[in-house]
Amino acid sequence: MITSTANAKVKRLVSLKKKKRLRDEENLFITEGIRMFREVPADRVREIYLSESFYHKEKKILGQVLGKHRVQIEILSDQVFACASDTVTPQGVLCLVKRKEYRKREIIEGDCPFLLVLDNIQDPGNLGTIVRTAEGAGVTGILLSQDCVDMYNPKTIRSTMGSVYRLPFYYSRNIVEDLEELKKTGICTYAAHLEGKKAYDEENYCGPCAFLIGNEGNGLRAEIMERAQEYIRIPMKGGVESLNAAIAASVLMFEAARQRRH
């Protein structure tokens, strides 16, 4: 059992938690919590860390899940685990997981793509919520601008509640060029805009489509907005002018999901 925060493995966990550069170099990310532990694809798990109290208390869960993993397992004292954890009240289990790289072609091709294009999303919780909601709505892939927050930020990972394991995503090298490529491949792009001629539920999203979602404070950048093929409105009551990025994305995605379901 590891009982010191000076241990090299613990220091590495802390660095992976804090530093995107190290996550990129090692092609790994950290997941925490029982649910994320249960859902992680077995072939992508590289290391498992358990708190001492979790190890002794949850042997039934461990017996069910550990059988599918053939990787190194380390037990940390509760104090040391708390140091490695990114949560205030750790559940007692975290994993190092190999990242899965998707190609742009995998995102934009298919029978009837249903995409999100995210521009400069900065809040890790917002991004994670969008990813989880996207999976629930049936989105087939997500394109992100290079300046979006890191998908493998621990807060983002937690907010996806496992969807990060399953929903394809790609960080665009040039989001403007990729929007032009979407247009050429027959994917219609929609942006919520106050001057939209139609309300969001008056358009038809049953064909290949993509919703453009902008930064939490500033919305879509002008060069992105200009490339949207259709502007749509989310009608508001009272003095409200706009919605949180994750909420707006949810409204649009589930309207498309409703139409596609019927």
C-alpha atoms as a PDB file:
ATOM      1  CA  MET A   1       0.000   0.000   0.000  1.00  0.00           C
ATOM      2  CA  ILE A   2       1.239   3.491  -0.853  1.00  0.00           C
ATOM      3  CA  THR A   3       1.213   5.737   2.197  1.00  0.00           C
ATOM      4  CA  SER A   4       3.214   8.777   1.067  1.00  0.00           C
ATOM      5  CA  THR A   5       2.282  11.639  -1.255  1.00  0.00           C
ATOM      6  CA  ALA A   6       5.963  11.780  -2.203  1.00  0.00           C
ATOM      7  CA  ASN A   7       5.629   8.439  -3.984  1.00  0.00           C
ATOM      8  CA  ALA A   8       6.518   8.729  -7.689  1.00  0.00           C
ATOM      9  CA  LYS A   9       3.229   7.145  -8.822  1.00  0.00           C
ATOM     10  CA  VAL A  10       1.201   9.573  -6.736  1.00  0.00           C
ATOM     11  CA  LYS A  11       3.171  12.540  -8.078  1.00  0.00           C
ATOM     12  CA  ARG A  12       2.474  11.315 -11.621  1.00  0.00           C
ATOM     13  CA  LEU A  13      -1.259  11.056 -10.893  1.00  0.00           C
ATOM     14  CA  VAL A  14      -1.300  14.614  -9.574  1.00  0.00           C
ATOM     15  CA  SER A  15       0.566  15.834 -12.666  1.00  0.00           C
ATOM     16  CA  LEU A  16      -1.786  14.020 -15.030  1.00  0.00           C
ATOM     17  CA  LYS A  17      -4.717  15.561 -13.180  1.00  0.00           C
ATOM     18  CA  LYS A  18      -3.364  19.086 -13.578  1.00  0.00           C
ATOM     19  CA  LYS A  19      -1.380  19.134 -16.824  1.00  0.00           C
ATOM     20  CA  LYS A  20      -2.894  18.765 -20.286  1.00  0.00           C
ATOM     21  CA  ARG A  21       0.600  18.578 -21.769  1.00  0.00           C
ATOM     22  CA  LEU A  22       1.418  15.433 -19.783  1.00  0.00           C
ATOM     23  CA  ARG A  23      -1.926  13.839 -20.659  1.00  0.00           C
ATOM     24  CA  ASP A  24      -1.162  14.519 -24.310  1.00  0.00           C
ATOM     25  CA  GLU A  25       2.360  13.108 -24.036  1.00  0.00           C
ATOM     26  CA  GLU A  26       1.263   9.901 -22.316  1.00  0.00           C
ATOM     27  CA  ASN A  27      -1.966   9.577 -24.328  1.00  0.00           C
ATOM     28  CA  LEU A  28      -3.813   8.928 -21.056  1.00  0.00           C
ATOM     29  CA  PHE A  29      -6.536  10.485 -18.945  1.00  0.00           C
ATOM     30  CA  ILE A  30      -7.873   9.969 -15.427  1.00  0.00           C
ATOM     31  CA  THR A  31     -11.368   8.770 -14.606  1.00  0.00           C
ATOM     32  CA  GLU A  32     -12.816   8.752 -11.094  1.00  0.00           C
ATOM     33  CA  GLY A  33     -15.786   7.180  -9.399  1.00  0.00           C
ATOM     34  CA  ILE A  34     -17.605   3.873  -9.330  1.00  0.00           C
ATOM     35  CA  ARG A  35     -19.787   4.524 -12.375  1.00  0.00           C
ATOM     36  CA  MET A  36     -16.875   5.578 -14.558  1.00  0.00           C
ATOM     37  CA  PHE A  37     -14.973   2.531 -13.276  1.00  0.00           C
ATOM     38  CA  ARG A  38     -17.798   0.166 -14.214  1.00  0.00           C
ATOM     39  CA  GLU A  39     -18.259   1.617 -17.706  1.00  0.00           C
ATOM     40  CA  VAL A  40     -14.645   2.045 -18.808  1.00  0.00           C
ATOM     41  CA  PRO A  41     -13.747  -0.239 -21.750  1.00  0.00           C
ATOM     42  CA  ALA A  42     -11.518  -2.970 -20.326  1.00  0.00           C
ATOM     43  CA  ASP A  43      -9.057  -2.827 -23.219  1.00  0.00           C
ATOM     44  CA  ARG A  44      -8.295   0.842 -22.532  1.00  0.00           C
ATOM     45  CA  VAL A  45      -7.557   0.637 -18.788  1.00  0.00           C
ATOM     46  CA  ARG A  46      -3.854   0.927 -17.998  1.00  0.00           C
ATOM     47  CA  GLU A  47      -3.740   1.327 -14.204  1.00  0.00           C
ATOM     48  CA  ILE A  48      -6.248   1.178 -11.327  1.00  0.00           C
ATOM     49  CA  TYR A  49      -5.900   2.956  -7.969  1.00  0.00           C
ATOM     50  CA  LEU A  50      -8.095   2.255  -4.950  1.00  0.00           C
ATOM     51  CA  SER A  51      -8.324   3.927  -1.562  1.00  0.00           C
ATOM     52  CA  GLU A  52      -7.723   1.675   1.417  1.00  0.00           C
ATOM     53  CA  SER A  53     -11.249   2.148   2.765  1.00  0.00           C
ATOM     54  CA  PHE A  54     -12.856   1.495  -0.639  1.00  0.00           C
ATOM     55  CA  TYR A  55     -10.810  -1.662  -1.064  1.00  0.00           C
ATOM     56  CA  HIS A  56     -12.046  -3.086   2.239  1.00  0.00           C
ATOM     57  CA  LYS A  57     -15.638  -1.837   1.955  1.00  0.00           C
ATOM     58  CA  GLU A  58     -16.539  -2.569  -1.669  1.00  0.00           C
ATOM     59  CA  LYS A  59     -15.150  -6.038  -2.255  1.00  0.00           C
ATOM     60  CA  LYS A  60     -18.384  -7.132  -3.964  1.00  0.00           C
ATOM     61  CA  ILE A  61     -18.114  -4.360  -6.570  1.00  0.00           C
ATOM     62  CA  LEU A  62     -14.427  -5.052  -6.982  1.00  0.00           C
ATOM     63  CA  GLY A  63     -15.091  -8.734  -7.534  1.00  0.00           C
ATOM     64  CA  GLN A  64     -17.620  -7.929 -10.269  1.00  0.00           C
ATOM     65  CA  VAL A  65     -15.448  -5.432 -12.098  1.00  0.00           C
ATOM     66  CA  LEU A  66     -11.819  -6.302 -11.509  1.00  0.00           C
ATOM     67  CA  GLY A  67     -12.243  -9.686 -13.121  1.00  0.00           C
ATOM     68  CA  LYS A  68     -12.366  -8.090 -16.574  1.00  0.00           C
ATOM     69  CA  HIS A  69      -9.174  -6.095 -16.005  1.00  0.00           C
ATOM     70  CA  ARG A  70      -5.674  -7.506 -16.236  1.00  0.00           C
ATOM     71  CA  VAL A  71      -3.745  -4.449 -15.162  1.00  0.00           C
ATOM     72  CA  GLN A  72      -1.740  -3.173 -12.241  1.00  0.00           C
ATOM     73  CA  ILE A  73      -3.807  -2.308  -9.143  1.00  0.00           C
ATOM     74  CA  GLU A  74      -2.448  -0.070  -6.406  1.00  0.00           C
ATOM     75  CA  ILE A  75      -3.934   0.550  -2.959  1.00  0.00           C
ATOM     76  CA  LEU A  76      -3.462   4.062  -1.552  1.00  0.00           C
ATOM     77  CA  SER A  77      -4.053   5.197   1.996  1.00  0.00           C
ATOM     78  CA  ASP A  78      -7.163   7.378   2.202  1.00  0.00           C
ATOM     79  CA  GLN A  79      -5.052  10.489   2.787  1.00  0.00           C
ATOM     80  CA  VAL A  80      -2.867   9.796  -0.237  1.00  0.00           C
ATOM     81  CA  PHE A  81      -5.884   8.972  -2.417  1.00  0.00           C
ATOM     82  CA  ALA A  82      -7.465  12.298  -1.449  1.00  0.00           C
ATOM     83  CA  CYS A  83      -4.296  14.032  -2.672  1.00  0.00           C
ATOM     84  CA  ALA A  84      -4.446  12.241  -6.030  1.00  0.00           C
ATOM     85  CA  SER A  85      -8.188  12.766  -6.450  1.00  0.00           C
ATOM     86  CA  ASP A  86      -9.764  15.759  -8.192  1.00  0.00           C
ATOM     87  CA  THR A  87     -12.938  15.639  -6.093  1.00  0.00           C
ATOM     88  CA  VAL A  88     -13.753  16.996  -2.642  1.00  0.00           C
ATOM     89  CA  THR A  89     -15.268  13.693  -1.487  1.00  0.00           C
ATOM     90  CA  PRO A  90     -13.518  10.928  -3.449  1.00  0.00           C
ATOM     91  CA  GLN A  91     -15.386   7.677  -4.021  1.00  0.00           C
ATOM     92  CA  GLY A  92     -12.173   5.739  -3.703  1.00  0.00           C
ATOM     93  CA  VAL A  93     -11.452   4.460  -7.211  1.00  0.00           C
ATOM     94  CA  LEU A  94      -9.661   6.018 -10.164  1.00  0.00           C
ATOM     95  CA  CYS A  95      -8.186   4.669 -13.379  1.00  0.00           C
ATOM     96  CA  LEU A  96      -5.662   5.697 -15.969  1.00  0.00           C
ATOM     97  CA  VAL A  97      -7.302   5.155 -19.342  1.00  0.00           C
ATOM     98  CA  LYS A  98      -5.845   5.170 -22.838  1.00  0.00           C
ATOM     99  CA  ARG A  99      -7.334   7.866 -25.017  1.00  0.00           C
ATOM    100  CA  LYS A 100      -9.139   6.909 -28.205  1.00  0.00           C
ATOM    101  CA  GLU A 101      -8.256   9.006 -31.220  1.00  0.00           C
ATOM    102  CA  TYR A 102     -10.900   9.598 -33.894  1.00  0.00           C
ATOM    103  CA  ARG A 103     -10.311  10.806 -37.435  1.00  0.00           C
ATOM    104  CA  LYS A 104     -12.324  13.663 -38.874  1.00  0.00           C
ATOM    105  CA  ARG A 105     -13.651  11.339 -41.545  1.00  0.00           C
ATOM    106  CA  GLU A 106     -15.221   9.157 -38.846  1.00  0.00           C
ATOM    107  CA  ILE A 107     -17.086  12.195 -37.493  1.00  0.00           C
ATOM    108  CA  ILE A 108     -18.510  13.698 -40.671  1.00  0.00           C
ATOM    109  CA  GLU A 109     -19.206  10.603 -42.767  1.00  0.00           C
ATOM    110  CA  GLY A 110     -22.081   8.189 -42.370  1.00  0.00           C
ATOM    111  CA  ASP A 111     -25.617   7.537 -43.545  1.00  0.00           C
ATOM    112  CA  CYS A 112     -27.158  10.601 -41.898  1.00  0.00           C
ATOM    113  CA  PRO A 113     -24.730  12.539 -39.692  1.00  0.00           C
ATOM    114  CA  PHE A 114     -26.150  14.392 -36.674  1.00  0.00           C
ATOM    115  CA  LEU A 115     -23.346  16.598 -35.397  1.00  0.00           C
ATOM    116  CA  LEU A 116     -22.384  19.296 -32.945  1.00  0.00           C
ATOM    117  CA  VAL A 117     -19.766  21.910 -33.769  1.00  0.00           C
ATOM    118  CA  LEU A 118     -18.415  23.546 -30.612  1.00  0.00           C
ATOM    119  CA  ASP A 119     -16.633  26.895 -30.845  1.00  0.00           C
ATOM    120  CA  ASN A 120     -14.406  28.018 -27.963  1.00  0.00           C
ATOM    121  CA  ILE A 121     -16.338  26.290 -25.153  1.00  0.00           C
ATOM    122  CA  GLN A 122     -14.332  27.084 -22.019  1.00  0.00           C
ATOM    123  CA  ASP A 123     -16.115  25.558 -19.026  1.00  0.00           C
ATOM    124  CA  PRO A 124     -15.199  21.896 -18.404  1.00  0.00           C
ATOM    125  CA  GLY A 125     -18.565  21.174 -16.794  1.00  0.00           C
ATOM    126  CA  ASN A 126     -20.415  22.670 -19.762  1.00  0.00           C
ATOM    127  CA  LEU A 127     -18.438  20.575 -22.220  1.00  0.00           C
ATOM    128  CA  GLY A 128     -19.020  17.397 -20.237  1.00  0.00           C
ATOM    129  CA  THR A 129     -22.743  18.116 -19.959  1.00  0.00           C
ATOM    130  CA  ILE A 130     -22.960  18.768 -23.699  1.00  0.00           C
ATOM    131  CA  VAL A 131     -21.209  15.470 -24.471  1.00  0.00           C
ATOM    132  CA  ARG A 132     -23.484  13.480 -22.157  1.00  0.00           C
ATOM    133  CA  THR A 133     -26.601  15.164 -23.535  1.00  0.00           C
ATOM    134  CA  ALA A 134     -25.381  14.635 -27.092  1.00  0.00           C
ATOM    135  CA  GLU A 135     -25.101  10.902 -26.565  1.00  0.00           C
ATOM    136  CA  GLY A 136     -28.594  10.832 -25.083  1.00  0.00           C
ATOM    137  CA  ALA A 137     -30.014  12.728 -28.067  1.00  0.00           C
ATOM    138  CA  GLY A 138     -28.365  10.445 -30.616  1.00  0.00           C
ATOM    139  CA  VAL A 139     -25.666  12.818 -31.877  1.00  0.00           C
ATOM    140  CA  THR A 140     -23.214  10.859 -34.028  1.00  0.00           C
ATOM    141  CA  GLY A 141     -20.129  13.018 -33.507  1.00  0.00           C
ATOM    142  CA  ILE A 142     -18.697  16.301 -32.238  1.00  0.00           C
ATOM    143  CA  LEU A 143     -16.264  18.719 -33.889  1.00  0.00           C
ATOM    144  CA  LEU A 144     -14.448  21.105 -31.529  1.00  0.00           C
ATOM    145  CA  SER A 145     -12.361  24.177 -32.277  1.00  0.00           C
ATOM    146  CA  GLN A 146      -8.761  23.993 -31.074  1.00  0.00           C
ATOM    147  CA  ASP A 147      -9.424  26.575 -28.351  1.00  0.00           C
ATOM    148  CA  CYS A 148     -12.181  24.544 -26.667  1.00  0.00           C
ATOM    149  CA  VAL A 149     -11.385  23.283 -23.184  1.00  0.00           C
ATOM    150  CA  ASP A 150      -9.618  19.908 -23.041  1.00  0.00           C
ATOM    151  CA  MET A 151     -12.021  16.969 -23.334  1.00  0.00           C
ATOM    152  CA  TYR A 152      -9.735  15.070 -20.955  1.00  0.00           C
ATOM    153  CA  ASN A 153      -9.855  17.667 -18.198  1.00  0.00           C
ATOM    154  CA  PRO A 154     -10.909  15.671 -15.085  1.00  0.00           C
ATOM    155  CA  LYS A 155     -13.961  17.913 -14.558  1.00  0.00           C
ATOM    156  CA  THR A 156     -15.060  17.370 -18.150  1.00  0.00           C
ATOM    157  CA  ILE A 157     -14.590  13.623 -17.839  1.00  0.00           C
ATOM    158  CA  ARG A 158     -16.724  13.472 -14.676  1.00  0.00           C
ATOM    159  CA  SER A 159     -19.486  15.549 -16.261  1.00  0.00           C
ATOM    160  CA  THR A 160     -19.745  13.203 -19.255  1.00  0.00           C
ATOM    161  CA  MET A 161     -20.732  10.366 -16.870  1.00  0.00           C
ATOM    162  CA  GLY A 162     -19.212   7.809 -19.250  1.00  0.00           C
ATOM    163  CA  SER A 163     -20.291   9.292 -22.579  1.00  0.00           C
ATOM    164  CA  VAL A 164     -16.672  10.232 -23.318  1.00  0.00           C
ATOM    165  CA  TYR A 165     -15.993   6.501 -23.748  1.00  0.00           C
ATOM    166  CA  ARG A 166     -18.548   6.181 -26.539  1.00  0.00           C
ATOM    167  CA  LEU A 167     -19.210   9.418 -28.450  1.00  0.00           C
ATOM    168  CA  PRO A 168     -16.723  10.204 -31.256  1.00  0.00           C
ATOM    169  CA  PHE A 169     -15.139  13.671 -31.201  1.00  0.00           C
ATOM    170  CA  TYR A 170     -12.406  15.496 -33.087  1.00  0.00           C
ATOM    171  CA  TYR A 171     -10.472  18.704 -32.397  1.00  0.00           C
ATOM    172  CA  SER A 172     -10.483  20.566 -35.696  1.00  0.00           C
ATOM    173  CA  ARG A 173      -7.227  22.008 -36.994  1.00  0.00           C
ATOM    174  CA  ASN A 174      -9.195  24.681 -38.841  1.00  0.00           C
ATOM    175  CA  ILE A 175     -12.854  24.897 -37.873  1.00  0.00           C
ATOM    176  CA  VAL A 176     -13.711  27.386 -40.639  1.00  0.00           C
ATOM    177  CA  GLU A 177     -12.368  25.055 -43.333  1.00  0.00           C
ATOM    178  CA  ASP A 178     -14.150  22.117 -41.757  1.00  0.00           C
ATOM    179  CA  LEU A 179     -17.464  23.986 -41.852  1.00  0.00           C
ATOM    180  CA  GLU A 180     -16.960  24.451 -45.580  1.00  0.00           C
ATOM    181  CA  GLU A 181     -16.272  20.734 -45.837  1.00  0.00           C
ATOM    182  CA  LEU A 182     -19.520  19.950 -44.011  1.00  0.00           C
ATOM    183  CA  LYS A 183     -21.386  22.056 -46.543  1.00  0.00           C
ATOM    184  CA  LYS A 184     -19.752  20.234 -49.462  1.00  0.00           C
ATOM    185  CA  THR A 185     -20.700  16.852 -48.024  1.00  0.00           C
ATOM    186  CA  GLY A 186     -24.350  17.875 -47.731  1.00  0.00           C
ATOM    187  CA  ILE A 187     -24.492  18.508 -43.980  1.00  0.00           C
ATOM    188  CA  CYS A 188     -26.673  21.536 -43.254  1.00  0.00           C
ATOM    189  CA  THR A 189     -25.328  23.749 -40.450  1.00  0.00           C
ATOM    190  CA  TYR A 190     -27.638  25.612 -38.060  1.00  0.00           C
ATOM    191  CA  ALA A 191     -26.836  28.427 -35.657  1.00  0.00           C
ATOM    192  CA  ALA A 192     -29.171  29.893 -33.065  1.00  0.00           C
ATOM    193  CA  HIS A 193     -29.474  33.621 -33.778  1.00  0.00           C
ATOM    194  CA  LEU A 194     -31.829  36.379 -32.660  1.00  0.00           C
ATOM    195  CA  GLU A 195     -32.471  37.217 -36.326  1.00  0.00           C
ATOM    196  CA  GLY A 196     -33.315  33.645 -37.322  1.00  0.00           C
ATOM    197  CA  LYS A 197     -36.324  33.546 -39.655  1.00  0.00           C
ATOM    198  CA  LYS A 198     -37.697  30.331 -38.151  1.00  0.00           C
ATOM    199  CA  ALA A 199     -38.045  29.071 -34.608  1.00  0.00           C
ATOM    200  CA  TYR A 200     -35.865  26.068 -33.855  1.00  0.00           C
ATOM    201  CA  ASP A 201     -38.846  23.685 -33.933  1.00  0.00           C
ATOM    202  CA  GLU A 202     -39.980  24.829 -37.388  1.00  0.00           C
ATOM    203  CA  GLU A 203     -36.955  23.483 -39.242  1.00  0.00           C
ATOM    204  CA  ASN A 204     -36.492  19.925 -40.488  1.00  0.00           C
ATOM    205  CA  TYR A 205     -33.454  18.131 -39.013  1.00  0.00           C
ATOM    206  CA  CYS A 206     -34.148  14.661 -40.384  1.00  0.00           C
ATOM    207  CA  GLY A 207     -31.374  14.982 -42.964  1.00  0.00           C
ATOM    208  CA  PRO A 208     -27.637  15.349 -42.309  1.00  0.00           C
ATOM    209  CA  CYS A 209     -27.283  18.319 -39.959  1.00  0.00           C
ATOM    210  CA  ALA A 210     -24.995  20.063 -37.490  1.00  0.00           C
ATOM    211  CA  PHE A 211     -25.697  22.582 -34.725  1.00  0.00           C
ATOM    212  CA  LEU A 212     -23.122  25.285 -34.071  1.00  0.00           C
ATOM    213  CA  ILE A 213     -22.684  26.113 -30.370  1.00  0.00           C
ATOM    214  CA  GLY A 214     -20.549  29.045 -29.252  1.00  0.00           C
ATOM    215  CA  ASN A 215     -18.620  30.305 -26.263  1.00  0.00           C
ATOM    216  CA  GLU A 216     -20.514  30.670 -22.970  1.00  0.00           C
ATOM    217  CA  GLY A 217     -20.046  34.443 -22.769  1.00  0.00           C
ATOM    218  CA  ASN A 218     -19.605  35.604 -26.344  1.00  0.00           C
ATOM    219  CA  GLY A 219     -21.466  33.068 -28.440  1.00  0.00           C
ATOM    220  CA  LEU A 220     -20.233  32.073 -31.872  1.00  0.00           C
ATOM    221  CA  ARG A 221     -17.396  34.037 -33.426  1.00  0.00           C
ATOM    222  CA  ALA A 222     -18.319  36.057 -36.487  1.00  0.00           C
ATOM    223  CA  GLU A 223     -16.356  33.863 -38.910  1.00  0.00           C
ATOM    224  CA  ILE A 224     -18.187  30.804 -37.599  1.00  0.00           C
ATOM    225  CA  MET A 225     -21.619  32.439 -37.574  1.00  0.00           C
ATOM    226  CA  GLU A 226     -21.157  33.618 -41.153  1.00  0.00           C
ATOM    227  CA  ARG A 227     -20.729  30.046 -42.339  1.00  0.00           C
ATOM    228  CA  ALA A 228     -23.935  28.745 -40.844  1.00  0.00           C
ATOM    229  CA  GLN A 229     -26.329  27.856 -43.640  1.00  0.00           C
ATOM    230  CA  GLU A 230     -29.443  28.510 -41.557  1.00  0.00           C
ATOM    231  CA  TYR A 231     -30.199  30.809 -38.595  1.00  0.00           C
ATOM    232  CA  ILE A 232     -32.823  29.606 -36.146  1.00  0.00           C
ATOM    233  CA  ARG A 233     -34.391  31.223 -33.086  1.00  0.00           C
ATOM    234  CA  ILE A 234     -35.045  29.818 -29.648  1.00  0.00           C
ATOM    235  CA  PRO A 235     -38.053  31.972 -28.663  1.00  0.00           C
ATOM    236  CA  MET A 236     -37.756  33.560 -25.195  1.00  0.00           C
ATOM    237  CA  LYS A 237     -40.269  34.981 -22.747  1.00  0.00           C
ATOM    238  CA  GLY A 238     -39.705  37.860 -20.358  1.00  0.00           C
ATOM    239  CA  GLY A 239     -36.378  39.662 -20.431  1.00  0.00           C
ATOM    240  CA  VAL A 240     -34.227  36.598 -21.188  1.00  0.00           C
ATOM    241  CA  GLU A 241     -32.089  37.055 -24.299  1.00  0.00           C
ATOM    242  CA  SER A 242     -30.109  33.802 -24.426  1.00  0.00           C
ATOM    243  CA  LEU A 243     -29.515  30.446 -22.762  1.00  0.00           C
ATOM    244  CA  ASN A 244     -26.466  28.776 -21.283  1.00  0.00           C
ATOM    245  CA  ALA A 245     -24.490  27.039 -24.047  1.00  0.00           C
ATOM    246  CA  ALA A 246     -25.212  23.544 -22.701  1.00  0.00           C
ATOM    247  CA  ILE A 247     -28.932  24.288 -22.286  1.00  0.00           C
ATOM    248  CA  ALA A 248     -29.248  25.779 -25.773  1.00  0.00           C
ATOM    249  CA  ALA A 249     -27.455  22.784 -27.242  1.00  0.00           C
ATOM    250  CA  SER A 250     -29.823  20.449 -25.361  1.00  0.00           C
ATOM    251  CA  VAL A 251     -32.931  22.219 -26.678  1.00  0.00           C
ATOM    252  CA  LEU A 252     -31.712  21.938 -30.269  1.00  0.00           C
ATOM    253  CA  MET A 253     -30.425  18.379 -30.031  1.00  0.00           C
ATOM    254  CA  PHE A 254     -33.583  16.963 -28.526  1.00  0.00           C
ATOM    255  CA  GLU A 255     -35.800  18.683 -31.075  1.00  0.00           C
ATOM    256  CA  ALA A 256     -33.732  16.996 -33.780  1.00  0.00           C
ATOM    257  CA  ALA A 257     -33.945  13.709 -31.853  1.00  0.00           C
ATOM    258  CA  ARG A 258     -37.738  14.050 -31.631  1.00  0.00           C
ATOM    259  CA  GLN A 259     -38.058  14.607 -35.367  1.00  0.00           C
ATOM    260  CA  ARG A 260     -35.739  11.743 -36.221  1.00  0.00           C
ATOM    261  CA  ARG A 261     -37.557   9.400 -33.872  1.00  0.00           C
ATOM    262  CA  HIS A 262     -40.842   9.979 -35.716  1.00  0.00           C
END
